[in-house]
Amino acid sequence: MPSVPPFSRSESIEDYAKQCGGIKWKEERIMAADGVEIALAVASINGIKEEMRKEASHVAIVYFQGNGGALPPRLPSLSMVLKTLQREASSSKRYTLVAVSYRGYWTSRGRPSERGIGLDAAAALNYAMRDVHEPNEQPIRIVLWGQSIGAGVATSAAAAFSTSIQDKGGCSPLSGLLLETPFVSVRAMLMAIYPQMWLPYRYLGPFLRNHWDSRVALRTIANPTTRWPRTLILQAANDELVSSSQGLELEETSQELGLDVKRIVVSNALHNEVAVKSQGRRAIVDFLNGFS
């Protein structure tokens, strides 16, 4: 971590604007708690009539990318989701998508680490609650959407936020978790990729610097004193990287903890194709439309 292809740091939002179907993205800069400057890509769709603004609902989606590459090439597929929401959203609903570029990725400063990316996620969540929300709006609903390793970032961010809210005695605006092609943890991935007992890789768990353990995070999220977010797990039927057992195990863990969870397997999809396939995009849009 990270996996950054050549020239990806020089890619810009403008390079992909024509592929975004009219969705307007802008780059924002925020500061993580340790002073590292982080880049965001932000877009909003707004069908709200002015006279209905006070009654309107606002859903902010914070998106955590997978390991490879920069944010701009992901914007066309995210735009497809926003375009569908735009067509179907009522006149009293607004959506904002905040896509996070981790430290060391794209134009963000710093070097990536699990702790550092956790700070980036917290800063993006604070941005969504503070800068996206407008005066006189109804309380904002927050949905965390993580793809691949980003699913681990999303569950960890949700766990940290739930703990913070609990300590302050407040009510959490976190309403949903969307986990796209997730894995249980980095260690679980090692075990799944290298099941042979005689290979050394499966025994590297104690030496890992990054863990991204969603199972541990879900146990924190399920604390009975906080409101539990609805969870959607999306798996790719032909995933070439993550085995089907990973999403199934997260579903079973969620059910054991009493979380509201649904798992969908997207037909004929590879690891990075879930949001592109019509079935996957439909599942994402229906999930996001469920928050009001």
Protein backbone atom coordinates (compact mmCIF):
# COMPACT_ATOMS: atom_id res chain seq x y z
CA MET A 1 0.00 0.00 0.00
CA PRO A 2 -0.31 2.16 -2.00
CA SER A 3 -0.45 0.79 -5.53
CA VAL A 4 -0.11 3.85 -7.74
CA PRO A 5 0.30 3.32 -11.51
CA PRO A 6 2.72 5.59 -13.41
CA PHE A 7 1.41 9.12 -14.12
CA SER A 8 -1.68 8.64 -11.89
CA ARG A 9 -0.57 11.52 -9.67
CA SER A 10 -0.78 13.87 -12.64
CA GLU A 11 -4.33 12.83 -13.59
CA SER A 12 -6.98 15.47 -13.08
CA ILE A 13 -10.75 15.61 -12.74
CA GLU A 14 -10.87 17.46 -16.06
CA ASP A 15 -9.28 14.47 -17.83
CA TYR A 16 -12.45 12.45 -17.14
CA ALA A 17 -15.09 15.20 -17.25
CA LYS A 18 -16.56 14.08 -20.59
CA GLN A 19 -17.09 10.56 -19.21
CA CYS A 20 -19.04 11.81 -16.18
CA GLY A 21 -22.30 12.47 -18.02
CA GLY A 22 -22.76 16.04 -16.84
CA ILE A 23 -21.97 15.38 -13.18
CA LYS A 24 -19.72 18.23 -12.03
CA TRP A 25 -16.85 17.24 -9.76
CA LYS A 26 -14.59 19.62 -7.90
CA GLU A 27 -11.38 19.04 -5.99
CA GLU A 28 -11.35 20.11 -2.35
CA ARG A 29 -8.46 20.15 0.12
CA ILE A 30 -8.83 19.29 3.80
CA MET A 31 -6.43 18.77 6.69
CA ALA A 32 -6.23 15.56 8.70
CA ALA A 33 -5.74 15.77 12.46
CA ASP A 34 -1.96 15.31 12.12
CA GLY A 35 -1.66 18.18 9.64
CA VAL A 36 -1.45 16.15 6.42
CA GLU A 37 -3.29 17.75 3.47
CA ILE A 38 -5.78 15.43 1.79
CA ALA A 39 -7.54 15.75 -1.58
CA LEU A 40 -11.26 15.07 -2.08
CA ALA A 41 -13.41 14.87 -5.19
CA VAL A 42 -16.90 16.20 -4.44
CA ALA A 43 -20.12 16.24 -6.48
CA SER A 44 -23.75 17.03 -5.60
CA ILE A 45 -27.08 16.41 -7.25
CA ASN A 46 -29.89 18.61 -6.14
CA GLY A 47 -33.50 18.32 -7.22
CA ILE A 48 -34.74 20.37 -4.29
CA LYS A 49 -37.14 23.21 -4.91
CA GLU A 50 -36.28 26.30 -2.90
CA GLU A 51 -39.60 26.33 -1.05
CA MET A 52 -38.98 22.73 0.08
CA ARG A 53 -35.40 23.22 1.29
CA LYS A 54 -36.26 23.18 5.00
CA GLU A 55 -38.13 19.86 4.65
CA ALA A 56 -35.61 18.29 2.29
CA SER A 57 -33.40 15.36 3.26
CA HIS A 58 -29.69 15.34 2.49
CA VAL A 59 -27.65 12.17 2.14
CA ALA A 60 -23.86 12.53 2.13
CA ILE A 61 -21.94 9.54 0.77
CA VAL A 62 -18.29 9.30 1.79
CA TYR A 63 -16.47 7.02 -0.67
CA PHE A 64 -13.26 5.14 0.14
CA GLN A 65 -11.46 3.78 -2.91
CA GLY A 66 -9.65 0.49 -3.41
CA ASN A 67 -5.88 0.19 -3.34
CA GLY A 68 -4.87 0.72 -6.97
CA GLY A 69 -4.64 4.07 -8.72
CA ALA A 70 -6.02 7.56 -8.20
CA LEU A 71 -9.51 8.99 -7.81
CA PRO A 72 -10.13 10.60 -11.24
CA PRO A 73 -10.48 7.31 -13.21
CA ARG A 74 -13.15 6.21 -10.71
CA LEU A 75 -15.31 9.30 -11.20
CA PRO A 76 -17.14 8.09 -14.36
CA SER A 77 -18.52 4.99 -12.59
CA LEU A 78 -19.42 7.03 -9.50
CA SER A 79 -21.10 9.53 -11.81
CA MET A 80 -23.26 6.74 -13.27
CA VAL A 81 -24.61 6.10 -9.76
CA LEU A 82 -25.25 9.81 -9.21
CA LYS A 83 -26.96 10.15 -12.60
CA THR A 84 -29.34 7.32 -11.74
CA LEU A 85 -30.05 8.88 -8.35
CA GLN A 86 -30.66 12.20 -10.09
CA ARG A 87 -33.25 10.66 -12.41
CA GLU A 88 -35.06 8.89 -9.59
CA ALA A 89 -34.68 11.23 -6.61
CA SER A 90 -37.71 13.09 -5.34
CA SER A 91 -37.81 16.87 -5.38
CA SER A 92 -37.17 16.85 -1.62
CA LYS A 93 -33.91 14.91 -1.59
CA ARG A 94 -30.30 15.93 -2.14
CA TYR A 95 -27.18 13.76 -2.50
CA THR A 96 -23.53 14.70 -2.11
CA LEU A 97 -20.71 12.27 -2.81
CA VAL A 98 -17.35 12.92 -1.14
CA ALA A 99 -14.61 10.69 -2.60
CA VAL A 100 -11.48 10.46 -0.46
CA SER A 101 -7.91 10.33 -1.79
CA TYR A 102 -5.82 8.75 0.95
CA ARG A 103 -2.50 10.28 1.94
CA GLY A 104 0.15 9.30 -0.60
CA TYR A 105 -2.50 8.85 -3.33
CA TRP A 106 -3.28 11.21 -6.22
CA THR A 107 -2.53 14.78 -5.05
CA SER A 108 -2.76 14.08 -1.31
CA ARG A 109 0.36 14.67 0.76
CA GLY A 110 2.03 12.31 3.20
CA ARG A 111 2.75 8.60 3.26
CA PRO A 112 0.05 5.95 3.68
CA SER A 113 -0.37 3.85 6.81
CA GLU A 114 -3.39 2.34 8.53
CA ARG A 115 -3.27 4.93 11.30
CA GLY A 116 -2.79 7.80 8.85
CA ILE A 117 -5.59 6.70 6.53
CA GLY A 118 -7.82 6.40 9.59
CA LEU A 119 -7.13 10.09 10.25
CA ASP A 120 -7.91 10.88 6.59
CA ALA A 121 -11.25 9.05 6.88
CA ALA A 122 -12.13 10.95 10.07
CA ALA A 123 -11.31 14.28 8.39
CA ALA A 124 -13.49 13.40 5.38
CA LEU A 125 -16.35 12.42 7.67
CA ASN A 126 -16.05 15.71 9.54
CA TYR A 127 -16.02 17.54 6.19
CA ALA A 128 -19.24 15.78 5.16
CA MET A 129 -20.98 16.77 8.38
CA ARG A 130 -19.58 20.31 8.62
CA ASP A 131 -19.06 21.67 5.09
CA VAL A 132 -21.58 19.71 3.03
CA HIS A 133 -24.51 20.37 5.33
CA GLU A 134 -26.29 23.65 4.68
CA PRO A 135 -28.08 25.90 7.20
CA ASN A 136 -31.82 25.22 7.65
CA GLU A 137 -31.53 21.71 6.20
CA GLN A 138 -32.85 18.63 7.96
CA PRO A 139 -30.15 16.63 9.83
CA ILE A 140 -27.78 15.07 7.32
CA ARG A 141 -27.61 11.31 6.78
CA ILE A 142 -24.14 9.84 6.32
CA VAL A 143 -23.42 6.69 4.30
CA LEU A 144 -19.91 5.26 4.13
CA TRP A 145 -19.12 3.41 0.88
CA GLY A 146 -15.90 1.43 0.67
CA GLN A 147 -14.60 -0.60 -2.25
CA SER A 148 -12.15 -3.49 -1.72
CA ILE A 149 -9.61 -2.32 0.88
CA GLY A 150 -11.75 0.81 1.14
CA ALA A 151 -14.44 -1.37 2.76
CA GLY A 152 -11.99 -1.94 5.61
CA VAL A 153 -11.40 1.82 5.80
CA ALA A 154 -15.18 2.39 5.90
CA THR A 155 -15.88 -0.11 8.71
CA SER A 156 -12.91 1.17 10.73
CA ALA A 157 -14.06 4.78 10.26
CA ALA A 158 -17.59 3.83 11.30
CA ALA A 159 -16.27 2.07 14.40
CA ALA A 160 -14.08 5.03 15.41
CA PHE A 161 -16.92 7.48 14.81
CA SER A 162 -19.43 5.37 16.77
CA THR A 163 -17.02 5.22 19.70
CA SER A 164 -16.51 8.99 19.56
CA ILE A 165 -20.24 9.68 19.49
CA GLN A 166 -20.81 7.27 22.36
CA ASP A 167 -18.15 9.01 24.46
CA LYS A 168 -19.81 12.37 23.82
CA GLY A 169 -23.29 11.02 24.47
CA GLY A 170 -24.57 12.24 21.09
CA CYS A 171 -26.76 10.81 18.33
CA SER A 172 -24.90 9.43 15.33
CA PRO A 173 -25.77 10.67 11.82
CA LEU A 174 -24.16 7.51 10.41
CA SER A 175 -27.01 5.73 8.66
CA GLY A 176 -25.45 3.24 6.24
CA LEU A 177 -22.45 1.13 5.32
CA LEU A 178 -21.98 0.04 1.72
CA LEU A 179 -19.23 -2.57 1.45
CA GLU A 180 -18.30 -3.32 -2.17
CA THR A 181 -16.14 -6.42 -2.81
CA PRO A 182 -14.93 -6.40 0.81
CA PHE A 183 -12.60 -8.76 2.62
CA VAL A 184 -12.64 -9.64 6.30
CA SER A 185 -9.08 -8.48 7.03
CA VAL A 186 -5.65 -8.42 5.42
CA ARG A 187 -4.75 -11.56 7.37
CA ALA A 188 -7.90 -13.33 6.18
CA MET A 189 -7.00 -12.41 2.60
CA LEU A 190 -3.57 -14.01 3.05
CA MET A 191 -5.22 -17.19 4.29
CA ALA A 192 -7.68 -17.23 1.39
CA ILE A 193 -5.10 -16.55 -1.32
CA TYR A 194 -2.55 -19.00 0.10
CA PRO A 195 -4.53 -21.87 1.67
CA GLN A 196 -1.67 -24.35 1.28
CA MET A 197 -0.26 -25.18 4.71
CA TRP A 198 3.27 -25.50 3.33
CA LEU A 199 3.43 -21.94 1.93
CA PRO A 200 4.98 -19.33 4.25
CA TYR A 201 2.70 -16.41 3.32
CA ARG A 202 -0.25 -17.54 5.43
CA TYR A 203 1.93 -17.27 8.54
CA LEU A 204 2.85 -13.60 8.03
CA GLY A 205 -0.10 -12.30 10.07
CA PRO A 206 1.96 -11.30 13.15
CA PHE A 207 4.26 -9.23 10.92
CA LEU A 208 1.57 -7.22 9.09
CA ARG A 209 1.73 -3.43 9.42
CA ASN A 210 -1.83 -2.95 8.10
CA HIS A 211 -4.75 -5.06 9.28
CA TRP A 212 -8.06 -3.44 8.22
CA ASP A 213 -10.07 -5.93 10.27
CA SER A 214 -13.74 -5.36 9.42
CA ARG A 215 -14.90 -8.11 11.77
CA VAL A 216 -13.42 -6.27 14.76
CA ALA A 217 -14.87 -2.98 13.50
CA LEU A 218 -18.36 -4.46 13.13
CA ARG A 219 -18.29 -5.60 16.76
CA THR A 220 -17.59 -2.01 17.79
CA ILE A 221 -20.32 -0.64 15.52
CA ALA A 222 -22.84 -3.06 17.08
CA ASN A 223 -22.47 -1.44 20.51
CA PRO A 224 -26.01 -1.42 21.95
CA THR A 225 -25.75 2.24 23.03
CA THR A 226 -25.40 3.55 19.46
CA ARG A 227 -27.73 3.49 16.46
CA TRP A 228 -26.70 0.72 14.10
CA PRO A 229 -26.21 1.62 10.42
CA ARG A 230 -27.90 -0.47 7.74
CA THR A 231 -25.31 -2.47 5.82
CA LEU A 232 -25.17 -3.64 2.20
CA ILE A 233 -22.48 -6.09 1.12
CA LEU A 234 -21.91 -6.31 -2.64
CA GLN A 235 -19.83 -9.12 -4.07
CA ALA A 236 -18.62 -9.75 -7.61
CA ALA A 237 -19.62 -13.20 -8.87
CA ASN A 238 -16.38 -13.52 -10.87
CA ASP A 239 -14.12 -11.70 -8.42
CA GLU A 240 -10.54 -12.52 -9.40
CA LEU A 241 -9.06 -11.11 -6.16
CA VAL A 242 -11.42 -11.69 -3.23
CA SER A 243 -13.04 -15.06 -2.57
CA SER A 244 -16.79 -15.31 -2.00
CA SER A 245 -16.17 -16.57 1.54
CA GLN A 246 -15.02 -13.10 2.62
CA GLY A 247 -18.34 -11.33 2.04
CA LEU A 248 -20.27 -14.31 3.37
CA GLU A 249 -18.26 -14.25 6.59
CA LEU A 250 -18.91 -10.53 7.04
CA GLU A 251 -22.63 -11.13 6.50
CA GLU A 252 -22.66 -13.92 9.10
CA THR A 253 -20.74 -11.77 11.59
CA SER A 254 -23.21 -8.91 11.07
CA GLN A 255 -26.18 -11.22 11.57
CA GLU A 256 -24.67 -12.66 14.75
CA LEU A 257 -24.27 -9.10 16.06
CA GLY A 258 -27.86 -8.21 15.21
CA LEU A 259 -26.95 -5.71 12.50
CA ASP A 260 -29.35 -4.96 9.65
CA VAL A 261 -27.41 -6.48 6.73
CA LYS A 262 -28.11 -7.57 3.17
CA ARG A 263 -25.68 -9.30 0.80
CA ILE A 264 -25.99 -9.30 -3.00
CA VAL A 265 -23.78 -11.13 -5.50
CA VAL A 266 -23.52 -9.21 -8.80
CA SER A 267 -23.58 -11.58 -11.77
CA ASN A 268 -20.72 -11.63 -14.30
CA ALA A 269 -18.80 -8.93 -12.42
CA LEU A 270 -15.08 -8.84 -11.81
CA HIS A 271 -13.56 -7.19 -8.74
CA ASN A 272 -13.77 -3.61 -10.07
CA GLU A 273 -16.98 -3.99 -12.09
CA VAL A 274 -19.73 -4.09 -9.44
CA ALA A 275 -20.78 -0.43 -9.76
CA VAL A 276 -20.53 -0.59 -13.57
CA LYS A 277 -22.84 -3.59 -13.98
CA SER A 278 -26.53 -2.67 -14.09
CA GLN A 279 -27.40 -5.11 -11.28
CA GLY A 280 -24.74 -3.65 -9.01
CA ARG A 281 -25.62 -0.05 -9.81
CA ARG A 282 -29.30 -0.83 -9.20
CA ALA A 283 -28.48 -2.31 -5.79
CA ILE A 284 -26.38 0.74 -4.85
CA VAL A 285 -29.05 3.22 -5.94
CA ASP A 286 -31.85 1.34 -4.15
CA PHE A 287 -29.77 1.26 -0.99
CA LEU A 288 -29.02 5.00 -1.13
CA ASN A 289 -32.62 5.83 -2.00
CA GLY A 290 -33.67 4.09 1.21
CA PHE A 291 -32.41 6.96 3.37
CA SER A 292 -34.71 9.91 3.88
